[in-house]
């Protein structure tokens, strides 16, 4: 294997890691560095040192701390410029990234996130451009549309805008990285991008190893970003449709919700009887492991592609769609086993 020189661009590396892009970008950089590749990171804002600690970086560039005028040549098409302006991406930052790629002698620049495609507009000749999109955004928005829920119709406009955005920059991209085969098919269908590689999400088995915490009786836990549409839909479905029934059967039942950046809607939902919200905690492993069961609804088809870190004996409460998805996976792995209803274990 020939070692590569890879420059990642992520506008901000948050700490604690509050989003999927923060998590998978960090661990992918770490894994590539461990394999012997030279990995550097470019950020617009100066990150908390803990956000990039142990990433194995060969270099780190920060636009916020740069005082050298950029020299890279920027050339954007009409539609590329429209979306650069739409996202508010600084022209000097785009040119600065081109200079960083040249200085690092990068074989490829990997841009991570949603609004990052304008940054590939000034890369040196011969430098490959990779979009670590993780999700395909048209499908993401369409999956949240319900014909009979007017509040979801705005997702159609979001899907249309994201589709135009993806197509505007497709000629500049050498490859797109996504987390599932469904996302890859969606990129080929909606964006017309043919070179799409699947990098499935993984779990750090050491970091999330089971502990010896005592379980809380009659308890259920949920965790996820609480400013993310599918997670809010999941909470809404569970708290309004399932939780009252469980509480009627077991008045002592408790539902602990853990998440970053809760919206007012999430805060309001978690005021239901027996529900507790814990927001923006940097480490929830011990608290989650004390739960007797975990809640995994999936109201949107594109919402969740990760695995839970609890042992298989941990019962899960799911929406019908999520249960069918999990059962389908279980049948592929163990066709002789039939999933058993877990919800009674909560009570």
Foldseek 3Di string as FASTA:
>chain_A
DDAFEEEEEDAAQAPVRADPLNVVVLVVLQVSVVVPHAYEYEYADDYDVVSNPNSNHPYYHYVVPDDDFFDFDFDADPLLVVLCVVVVPDPRQLSVVQVVCVVSVGQEYEYEDQSGLSSLRGHDPNYAYEYADQAQQLLVLVLQDDPPDPVSPVSNVVSVVSLSVLQRRLVRHPEYEYADPVRQVVCCVRNVRNHYHHDHDDDPCVVQPQDDAAADALEEEEEHAQVDVQVLVQLVCCLVPPVVVSCVVPVQHAYEYEHEDHDPSRVVSQVPPRGHYDYDDSDCNNVNSNYQAYEDEGSGPRDDRDDDSDPPVHHYHYDPVVVVVVQVVCCVVPVVDGDDHRPVRSD
